[in-house]
Structures are given as structure tokens and as C-alpha cells.
Amino acid sequence: MAQRIATLDELKGHTLEQLLYQVARSKESLTVVLGEGGAVVIRPEVALKPLPELEGRVPEGWKDAIYGK
């Protein structure tokens, strides 16, 4: 995942909403460097693809047959 680094001065004039949408669209994390040596990282959530639906069936009593012993 790509990473962008910015200072608070560079982000002045942008709203929090704009920054969040920008991070979500660009799919890269944003590290905001604070003046006191600290930093805050804003990272987009990775969207997972849905699991495929498989054909087949689970037989009745499968759990008892395996764990019942």
C-alpha cells in the first residue's frame, strides 16, 4: 500500500471530510506529522471480495460423527 506524508501546515485549508474521502479514493495511507515529533496515520480499509457460494450439502449429523467419539 502506498503512503503519503504531509505536515499540518500542508493540510490547512482542507476539511477532515475532504481528507478522509481523498484517502479512501486514492487507497493510500496518509501520515500527518505533528509539530511535537508525533504522527497520526490515516489508513483506508481494505474491501474484501465476497466469498463464493459453493454447490454441495452438509450431511445431517456430521458434527456428531466427527466430535462424538
N, C-alpha and C. Protein backbone atom coordinates (compact mmCIF):
# COMPACT_ATOMS: atom_id res chain seq x y z
N MET A 1 0.85 -1.17 0.00
CA MET A 1 0.00 0.00 0.00
C MET A 1 0.90 1.24 0.00
N ALA A 2 0.58 2.17 -0.85
CA ALA A 2 1.36 3.40 -0.95
C ALA A 2 1.10 4.27 0.28
N GLN A 3 2.06 5.14 0.55
CA GLN A 3 1.94 6.01 1.73
C GLN A 3 2.30 7.44 1.35
N ARG A 4 1.50 8.37 1.84
CA ARG A 4 1.75 9.80 1.63
C ARG A 4 2.04 10.42 2.99
N ILE A 5 2.99 11.33 3.04
CA ILE A 5 3.35 12.02 4.28
C ILE A 5 3.10 13.51 4.09
N ALA A 6 2.43 14.11 5.06
CA ALA A 6 2.13 15.55 5.00
C ALA A 6 2.25 16.14 6.40
N THR A 7 2.50 17.44 6.45
CA THR A 7 2.53 18.15 7.73
C THR A 7 1.19 18.85 7.94
N LEU A 8 0.97 19.33 9.14
CA LEU A 8 -0.27 20.05 9.42
C LEU A 8 -0.39 21.32 8.57
N ASP A 9 0.73 22.00 8.34
CA ASP A 9 0.71 23.21 7.53
C ASP A 9 0.27 22.91 6.09
N GLU A 10 0.69 21.78 5.56
CA GLU A 10 0.31 21.40 4.19
C GLU A 10 -1.18 21.08 4.08
N LEU A 11 -1.78 20.69 5.18
CA LEU A 11 -3.19 20.29 5.15
C LEU A 11 -4.15 21.41 5.52
N LYS A 12 -3.62 22.57 5.88
CA LYS A 12 -4.50 23.69 6.21
C LYS A 12 -5.33 24.05 4.99
N GLY A 13 -6.59 24.36 5.22
CA GLY A 13 -7.49 24.70 4.13
C GLY A 13 -8.29 23.50 3.64
N HIS A 14 -7.94 22.31 4.10
CA HIS A 14 -8.69 21.11 3.76
C HIS A 14 -9.55 20.71 4.96
N THR A 15 -10.75 20.27 4.69
CA THR A 15 -11.59 19.79 5.79
C THR A 15 -11.26 18.33 6.06
N LEU A 16 -11.64 17.87 7.23
CA LEU A 16 -11.43 16.47 7.58
C LEU A 16 -12.17 15.56 6.61
N GLU A 17 -13.36 15.98 6.23
CA GLU A 17 -14.16 15.19 5.28
C GLU A 17 -13.43 15.05 3.94
N GLN A 18 -12.83 16.12 3.45
CA GLN A 18 -12.07 16.06 2.20
C GLN A 18 -10.89 15.10 2.32
N LEU A 19 -10.17 15.17 3.44
CA LEU A 19 -9.02 14.30 3.64
C LEU A 19 -9.42 12.83 3.69
N LEU A 20 -10.51 12.54 4.40
CA LEU A 20 -10.96 11.15 4.50
C LEU A 20 -11.39 10.60 3.15
N TYR A 21 -12.12 11.38 2.38
CA TYR A 21 -12.54 10.93 1.05
C TYR A 21 -11.33 10.75 0.13
N GLN A 22 -10.36 11.63 0.25
CA GLN A 22 -9.15 11.54 -0.57
C GLN A 22 -8.38 10.26 -0.25
N VAL A 23 -8.25 9.93 1.02
CA VAL A 23 -7.55 8.70 1.42
C VAL A 23 -8.31 7.48 0.92
N ALA A 24 -9.63 7.50 1.04
CA ALA A 24 -10.43 6.36 0.59
C ALA A 24 -10.33 6.16 -0.93
N ARG A 25 -10.38 7.25 -1.68
CA ARG A 25 -10.31 7.15 -3.15
C ARG A 25 -8.93 6.73 -3.64
N SER A 26 -7.89 7.29 -3.03
CA SER A 26 -6.54 7.01 -3.51
C SER A 26 -6.01 5.66 -3.04
N LYS A 27 -6.66 5.08 -2.01
CA LYS A 27 -6.25 3.78 -1.45
C LYS A 27 -4.80 3.79 -0.96
N GLU A 28 -4.34 4.95 -0.50
CA GLU A 28 -3.02 5.04 0.10
C GLU A 28 -3.15 5.67 1.48
N SER A 29 -2.28 5.27 2.39
CA SER A 29 -2.36 5.82 3.74
C SER A 29 -1.77 7.23 3.77
N LEU A 30 -2.22 8.00 4.73
CA LEU A 30 -1.75 9.37 4.91
C LEU A 30 -1.18 9.49 6.31
N THR A 31 0.09 9.84 6.40
CA THR A 31 0.73 10.08 7.69
C THR A 31 0.83 11.59 7.88
N VAL A 32 0.21 12.08 8.95
CA VAL A 32 0.24 13.51 9.26
C VAL A 32 1.28 13.70 10.36
N VAL A 33 2.34 14.43 10.05
CA VAL A 33 3.42 14.68 11.00
C VAL A 33 3.03 15.89 11.85
N LEU A 34 3.02 15.68 13.17
CA LEU A 34 2.66 16.75 14.10
C LEU A 34 3.90 17.52 14.50
N GLY A 35 3.72 18.70 15.02
CA GLY A 35 4.85 19.55 15.38
C GLY A 35 5.72 19.04 16.51
N GLU A 36 5.16 18.29 17.43
CA GLU A 36 5.91 17.83 18.60
C GLU A 36 6.64 16.51 18.36
N GLY A 37 6.81 16.11 17.13
CA GLY A 37 7.51 14.86 16.84
C GLY A 37 6.61 13.66 16.72
N GLY A 38 5.34 13.82 16.96
CA GLY A 38 4.39 12.71 16.83
C GLY A 38 3.84 12.64 15.42
N ALA A 39 3.08 11.62 15.16
CA ALA A 39 2.46 11.46 13.85
C ALA A 39 1.15 10.69 14.00
N VAL A 40 0.24 10.93 13.07
CA VAL A 40 -1.04 10.23 13.01
C VAL A 40 -1.15 9.61 11.63
N VAL A 41 -1.53 8.32 11.59
CA VAL A 41 -1.66 7.63 10.32
C VAL A 41 -3.14 7.38 10.05
N ILE A 42 -3.59 7.77 8.86
CA ILE A 42 -4.95 7.51 8.40
C ILE A 42 -4.82 6.49 7.27
N ARG A 43 -5.41 5.32 7.47
CA ARG A 43 -5.24 4.23 6.51
C ARG A 43 -6.62 3.76 6.03
N PRO A 44 -6.81 3.60 4.71
CA PRO A 44 -8.11 3.14 4.22
C PRO A 44 -8.32 1.67 4.55
N GLU A 45 -9.57 1.31 4.71
CA GLU A 45 -9.92 -0.08 4.97
C GLU A 45 -9.90 -0.85 3.65
N VAL A 46 -9.35 -2.03 3.70
CA VAL A 46 -9.28 -2.86 2.50
C VAL A 46 -10.63 -3.56 2.33
N ALA A 47 -11.22 -3.38 1.16
CA ALA A 47 -12.50 -4.03 0.88
C ALA A 47 -12.25 -5.45 0.38
N LEU A 48 -12.85 -6.41 1.05
CA LEU A 48 -12.69 -7.80 0.67
C LEU A 48 -13.78 -8.20 -0.32
N LYS A 49 -13.42 -9.09 -1.24
CA LYS A 49 -14.40 -9.61 -2.17
C LYS A 49 -15.30 -10.60 -1.42
N PRO A 50 -16.57 -10.70 -1.82
CA PRO A 50 -17.44 -11.67 -1.14
C PRO A 50 -16.98 -13.10 -1.45
N LEU A 51 -17.21 -13.97 -0.49
CA LEU A 51 -16.85 -15.36 -0.68
C LEU A 51 -17.77 -16.01 -1.72
N PRO A 52 -17.24 -16.94 -2.50
CA PRO A 52 -18.10 -17.60 -3.50
C PRO A 52 -19.04 -18.58 -2.80
N GLU A 53 -20.20 -18.79 -3.41
CA GLU A 53 -21.14 -19.78 -2.91
C GLU A 53 -20.84 -21.08 -3.64
N LEU A 54 -20.57 -22.11 -2.87
CA LEU A 54 -20.21 -23.40 -3.45
C LEU A 54 -21.41 -24.33 -3.45
N GLU A 55 -21.45 -25.18 -4.46
CA GLU A 55 -22.51 -26.18 -4.52
C GLU A 55 -22.17 -27.30 -3.56
N GLY A 56 -23.18 -27.97 -3.07
CA GLY A 56 -22.96 -29.10 -2.18
C GLY A 56 -23.89 -29.03 -0.99
N ARG A 57 -23.69 -29.97 -0.09
CA ARG A 57 -24.54 -30.00 1.10
C ARG A 57 -23.73 -30.55 2.26
N VAL A 58 -24.22 -30.30 3.46
CA VAL A 58 -23.61 -30.82 4.67
C VAL A 58 -24.54 -31.91 5.19
N PRO A 59 -24.05 -33.14 5.32
CA PRO A 59 -24.92 -34.22 5.75
C PRO A 59 -25.40 -34.04 7.19
N GLU A 60 -26.60 -34.53 7.47
CA GLU A 60 -27.15 -34.48 8.83
C GLU A 60 -26.24 -35.24 9.77
N GLY A 61 -26.02 -34.73 10.96
CA GLY A 61 -25.25 -35.41 11.99
C GLY A 61 -23.75 -35.40 11.76
N TRP A 62 -23.24 -34.55 10.87
CA TRP A 62 -21.81 -34.53 10.58
C TRP A 62 -20.99 -34.21 11.82
N LYS A 63 -21.51 -33.30 12.63
CA LYS A 63 -20.76 -32.88 13.81
C LYS A 63 -20.67 -34.00 14.84
N ASP A 64 -21.77 -34.71 15.04
CA ASP A 64 -21.78 -35.82 15.99
C ASP A 64 -20.84 -36.92 15.54
N ALA A 65 -20.77 -37.17 14.25
CA ALA A 65 -19.92 -38.24 13.73
C ALA A 65 -18.45 -37.93 13.95
N ILE A 66 -18.06 -36.67 13.85
CA ILE A 66 -16.66 -36.30 13.99
C ILE A 66 -16.28 -36.09 15.45
N TYR A 67 -17.11 -35.37 16.20
CA TYR A 67 -16.75 -34.97 17.56
C TYR A 67 -17.39 -35.83 18.64
N GLY A 68 -18.25 -36.74 18.27
CA GLY A 68 -18.97 -37.53 19.26
C GLY A 68 -18.15 -38.62 19.91
N LYS A 69 -17.00 -38.92 19.40
CA LYS A 69 -16.20 -40.03 19.91
C LYS A 69 -15.50 -39.68 21.20
